[in-house]
Amino acid sequence: MEIGIASVAAITVVCYLVGLIVKASCVNDRYIPIACGLCGAVLGPVGLYLGLDGFPAADYMTAVAVGIVSGLAATGVNQVGKQLSKE
C-alpha cells in the first residue's frame, strides 16, 4: 500500500511557501499556522480530485484532514529549523 508521501510533501512545501509570504506581509506572525492550515485544507481536496498517485485519502473529509495536517507540518518544519539553530 502506498502512502502518497510525494503528494503530501508537495502540499507541505506549498503551505510552507504560503507561510513565508504571510511572514513577509504586515500580518501578525500568530496567523501563519492558520494560513498554512487553511491552505492545506484547500489543497487536500484538490489533490484528491486531481487523482494524484498514491494520495492517502479516498473521501473529501479525509482529504481535508490530510491537507490541514500537511499545512501545519509546514509550520512545524519551520520551528524545528529555528530550534536547531539556537545555541
N, C-alpha and C. Protein backbone atom coordinates (compact mmCIF):
# COMPACT_ATOMS: atom_id res chain seq x y z
N MET A 1 0.84 -1.18 0.00
CA MET A 1 0.00 0.00 0.00
C MET A 1 0.89 1.24 0.00
N GLU A 2 0.64 2.15 -0.92
CA GLU A 2 1.38 3.39 -0.98
C GLU A 2 0.78 4.39 0.00
N ILE A 3 1.64 5.25 0.55
CA ILE A 3 1.12 6.27 1.47
C ILE A 3 1.07 7.65 0.85
N GLY A 4 1.48 7.79 -0.38
CA GLY A 4 1.37 9.06 -1.07
C GLY A 4 2.24 10.16 -0.50
N ILE A 5 3.45 9.80 -0.10
CA ILE A 5 4.32 10.76 0.56
C ILE A 5 4.70 11.92 -0.36
N ALA A 6 4.80 11.68 -1.65
CA ALA A 6 5.19 12.76 -2.57
C ALA A 6 4.10 13.82 -2.66
N SER A 7 2.84 13.41 -2.73
CA SER A 7 1.76 14.38 -2.83
C SER A 7 1.59 15.14 -1.53
N VAL A 8 1.76 14.46 -0.40
CA VAL A 8 1.66 15.13 0.90
C VAL A 8 2.83 16.10 1.08
N ALA A 9 4.01 15.70 0.64
CA ALA A 9 5.17 16.58 0.73
C ALA A 9 4.98 17.82 -0.14
N ALA A 10 4.35 17.64 -1.30
CA ALA A 10 4.10 18.78 -2.18
C ALA A 10 3.15 19.78 -1.52
N ILE A 11 2.12 19.28 -0.85
CA ILE A 11 1.20 20.16 -0.13
C ILE A 11 1.94 20.90 0.97
N THR A 12 2.82 20.19 1.68
CA THR A 12 3.58 20.80 2.77
C THR A 12 4.48 21.91 2.24
N VAL A 13 5.12 21.68 1.11
CA VAL A 13 6.02 22.70 0.54
C VAL A 13 5.23 23.93 0.11
N VAL A 14 4.09 23.74 -0.54
CA VAL A 14 3.28 24.88 -0.96
C VAL A 14 2.80 25.66 0.26
N CYS A 15 2.38 24.95 1.30
CA CYS A 15 1.93 25.63 2.52
C CYS A 15 3.07 26.37 3.21
N TYR A 16 4.27 25.80 3.16
CA TYR A 16 5.44 26.48 3.72
C TYR A 16 5.69 27.80 2.98
N LEU A 17 5.57 27.76 1.67
CA LEU A 17 5.75 28.99 0.89
C LEU A 17 4.67 30.02 1.22
N VAL A 18 3.44 29.57 1.43
CA VAL A 18 2.37 30.48 1.85
C VAL A 18 2.72 31.09 3.20
N GLY A 19 3.27 30.28 4.11
CA GLY A 19 3.70 30.79 5.41
C GLY A 19 4.77 31.86 5.28
N LEU A 20 5.71 31.65 4.36
CA LEU A 20 6.75 32.66 4.13
C LEU A 20 6.16 33.95 3.58
N ILE A 21 5.16 33.83 2.72
CA ILE A 21 4.50 35.02 2.18
C ILE A 21 3.78 35.78 3.28
N VAL A 22 3.09 35.05 4.16
CA VAL A 22 2.39 35.69 5.27
C VAL A 22 3.40 36.37 6.20
N LYS A 23 4.53 35.70 6.45
CA LYS A 23 5.57 36.28 7.31
C LYS A 23 6.12 37.57 6.71
N ALA A 24 6.27 37.62 5.39
CA ALA A 24 6.81 38.81 4.73
C ALA A 24 5.80 39.95 4.66
N SER A 25 4.53 39.63 4.83
CA SER A 25 3.50 40.67 4.79
C SER A 25 3.38 41.34 6.15
N CYS A 26 2.45 42.27 6.26
CA CYS A 26 2.29 43.00 7.52
C CYS A 26 1.35 42.28 8.49
N VAL A 27 0.99 41.04 8.22
CA VAL A 27 0.10 40.27 9.08
C VAL A 27 0.89 39.77 10.29
N ASN A 28 0.24 39.72 11.44
CA ASN A 28 0.85 39.23 12.66
C ASN A 28 1.30 37.78 12.49
N ASP A 29 2.47 37.43 13.04
CA ASP A 29 3.04 36.09 12.89
C ASP A 29 2.16 34.98 13.48
N ARG A 30 1.30 35.32 14.42
CA ARG A 30 0.48 34.27 15.03
C ARG A 30 -0.55 33.70 14.05
N TYR A 31 -0.75 34.37 12.91
CA TYR A 31 -1.69 33.88 11.91
C TYR A 31 -1.04 32.96 10.87
N ILE A 32 0.26 32.77 10.96
CA ILE A 32 0.96 31.91 10.00
C ILE A 32 0.44 30.47 10.05
N PRO A 33 0.32 29.84 11.24
CA PRO A 33 -0.22 28.47 11.26
C PRO A 33 -1.65 28.38 10.72
N ILE A 34 -2.44 29.41 10.96
CA ILE A 34 -3.81 29.41 10.44
C ILE A 34 -3.79 29.47 8.92
N ALA A 35 -2.94 30.32 8.36
CA ALA A 35 -2.83 30.43 6.90
C ALA A 35 -2.35 29.11 6.29
N CYS A 36 -1.37 28.47 6.94
CA CYS A 36 -0.86 27.20 6.44
C CYS A 36 -1.93 26.11 6.52
N GLY A 37 -2.66 26.08 7.62
CA GLY A 37 -3.73 25.09 7.78
C GLY A 37 -4.84 25.27 6.76
N LEU A 38 -5.23 26.52 6.53
CA LEU A 38 -6.27 26.80 5.53
C LEU A 38 -5.80 26.46 4.12
N CYS A 39 -4.56 26.78 3.83
CA CYS A 39 -4.01 26.43 2.53
C CYS A 39 -4.03 24.92 2.33
N GLY A 40 -3.63 24.18 3.35
CA GLY A 40 -3.67 22.72 3.27
C GLY A 40 -5.08 22.19 3.13
N ALA A 41 -6.03 22.84 3.83
CA ALA A 41 -7.43 22.42 3.74
C ALA A 41 -7.98 22.59 2.33
N VAL A 42 -7.45 23.55 1.60
CA VAL A 42 -7.86 23.75 0.21
C VAL A 42 -7.13 22.78 -0.71
N LEU A 43 -5.84 22.59 -0.48
CA LEU A 43 -5.04 21.75 -1.37
C LEU A 43 -5.30 20.25 -1.20
N GLY A 44 -5.74 19.83 -0.04
CA GLY A 44 -6.04 18.41 0.18
C GLY A 44 -7.11 17.90 -0.77
N PRO A 45 -8.30 18.52 -0.78
CA PRO A 45 -9.33 18.07 -1.74
C PRO A 45 -8.91 18.26 -3.20
N VAL A 46 -8.10 19.28 -3.48
CA VAL A 46 -7.61 19.47 -4.85
C VAL A 46 -6.77 18.25 -5.25
N GLY A 47 -5.90 17.81 -4.34
CA GLY A 47 -5.09 16.62 -4.62
C GLY A 47 -5.94 15.38 -4.81
N LEU A 48 -7.01 15.26 -4.03
CA LEU A 48 -7.91 14.12 -4.16
C LEU A 48 -8.58 14.11 -5.52
N TYR A 49 -9.13 15.23 -5.93
CA TYR A 49 -9.90 15.28 -7.17
C TYR A 49 -9.04 15.36 -8.42
N LEU A 50 -7.76 15.73 -8.27
CA LEU A 50 -6.85 15.66 -9.41
C LEU A 50 -6.36 14.24 -9.62
N GLY A 51 -6.60 13.38 -8.65
CA GLY A 51 -6.21 11.98 -8.78
C GLY A 51 -4.71 11.77 -8.67
N LEU A 52 -4.07 12.48 -7.75
CA LEU A 52 -2.63 12.31 -7.56
C LEU A 52 -2.33 10.86 -7.19
N ASP A 53 -1.26 10.31 -7.76
CA ASP A 53 -0.90 8.92 -7.50
C ASP A 53 -0.60 8.71 -6.02
N GLY A 54 -1.26 7.75 -5.43
CA GLY A 54 -1.00 7.38 -4.04
C GLY A 54 -1.48 8.38 -3.02
N PHE A 55 -2.37 9.27 -3.39
CA PHE A 55 -2.86 10.25 -2.41
C PHE A 55 -3.58 9.50 -1.29
N PRO A 56 -3.22 9.77 -0.03
CA PRO A 56 -3.70 8.94 1.09
C PRO A 56 -5.11 9.28 1.57
N ALA A 57 -6.01 9.58 0.67
CA ALA A 57 -7.40 9.87 1.07
C ALA A 57 -8.33 9.34 -0.02
N ALA A 58 -9.48 8.86 0.43
CA ALA A 58 -10.46 8.33 -0.52
C ALA A 58 -11.75 9.13 -0.51
N ASP A 59 -11.88 10.06 0.44
CA ASP A 59 -13.09 10.87 0.52
C ASP A 59 -12.72 12.31 0.87
N TYR A 60 -13.70 13.19 0.76
CA TYR A 60 -13.48 14.62 0.94
C TYR A 60 -12.96 14.97 2.33
N MET A 61 -13.59 14.45 3.38
CA MET A 61 -13.20 14.81 4.75
C MET A 61 -11.78 14.36 5.07
N THR A 62 -11.41 13.18 4.62
CA THR A 62 -10.05 12.70 4.85
C THR A 62 -9.05 13.55 4.08
N ALA A 63 -9.42 13.96 2.87
CA ALA A 63 -8.54 14.82 2.08
C ALA A 63 -8.33 16.17 2.77
N VAL A 64 -9.39 16.72 3.35
CA VAL A 64 -9.27 17.98 4.09
C VAL A 64 -8.35 17.78 5.29
N ALA A 65 -8.53 16.67 6.01
CA ALA A 65 -7.69 16.41 7.19
C ALA A 65 -6.23 16.22 6.80
N VAL A 66 -5.98 15.49 5.72
CA VAL A 66 -4.60 15.30 5.24
C VAL A 66 -4.00 16.65 4.86
N GLY A 67 -4.78 17.49 4.22
CA GLY A 67 -4.29 18.81 3.83
C GLY A 67 -3.97 19.69 5.03
N ILE A 68 -4.86 19.69 6.02
CA ILE A 68 -4.63 20.51 7.22
C ILE A 68 -3.37 20.05 7.95
N VAL A 69 -3.23 18.74 8.12
CA VAL A 69 -2.04 18.22 8.80
C VAL A 69 -0.79 18.55 8.01
N SER A 70 -0.86 18.46 6.70
CA SER A 70 0.30 18.81 5.86
C SER A 70 0.64 20.29 6.00
N GLY A 71 -0.39 21.13 6.03
CA GLY A 71 -0.16 22.56 6.20
C GLY A 71 0.45 22.90 7.55
N LEU A 72 -0.05 22.27 8.58
CA LEU A 72 0.51 22.53 9.91
C LEU A 72 1.90 21.94 10.06
N ALA A 73 2.19 20.88 9.31
CA ALA A 73 3.54 20.32 9.32
C ALA A 73 4.55 21.33 8.76
N ALA A 74 4.11 22.16 7.83
CA ALA A 74 4.99 23.19 7.29
C ALA A 74 5.41 24.16 8.40
N THR A 75 4.49 24.50 9.27
CA THR A 75 4.82 25.36 10.41
C THR A 75 5.78 24.65 11.34
N GLY A 76 5.55 23.37 11.56
CA GLY A 76 6.44 22.59 12.43
C GLY A 76 7.84 22.47 11.89
N VAL A 77 7.97 22.30 10.59
CA VAL A 77 9.29 22.22 9.97
C VAL A 77 10.05 23.52 10.20
N ASN A 78 9.37 24.64 10.06
CA ASN A 78 9.99 25.93 10.28
C ASN A 78 10.48 26.05 11.74
N GLN A 79 9.66 25.62 12.66
CA GLN A 79 10.02 25.74 14.08
C GLN A 79 11.17 24.80 14.45
N VAL A 80 11.22 23.63 13.87
CA VAL A 80 12.34 22.71 14.12
C VAL A 80 13.63 23.35 13.66
N GLY A 81 13.60 23.97 12.49
CA GLY A 81 14.79 24.65 11.99
C GLY A 81 15.24 25.77 12.92
N LYS A 82 14.29 26.53 13.44
CA LYS A 82 14.64 27.61 14.36
C LYS A 82 15.23 27.08 15.66
N GLN A 83 14.64 26.01 16.19
CA GLN A 83 15.12 25.45 17.46
C GLN A 83 16.49 24.82 17.32
N LEU A 84 16.76 24.20 16.19
CA LEU A 84 18.08 23.58 15.98
C LEU A 84 19.17 24.62 15.78
N SER A 85 18.80 25.81 15.31
CA SER A 85 19.81 26.83 15.09
C SER A 85 20.13 27.63 16.36
N LYS A 86 19.32 27.44 17.41
CA LYS A 86 19.61 28.13 18.68
C LYS A 86 20.79 27.47 19.37
N GLU A 87 21.53 28.28 20.09
CA GLU A 87 22.67 27.74 20.84
C GLU A 87 22.42 27.82 22.31
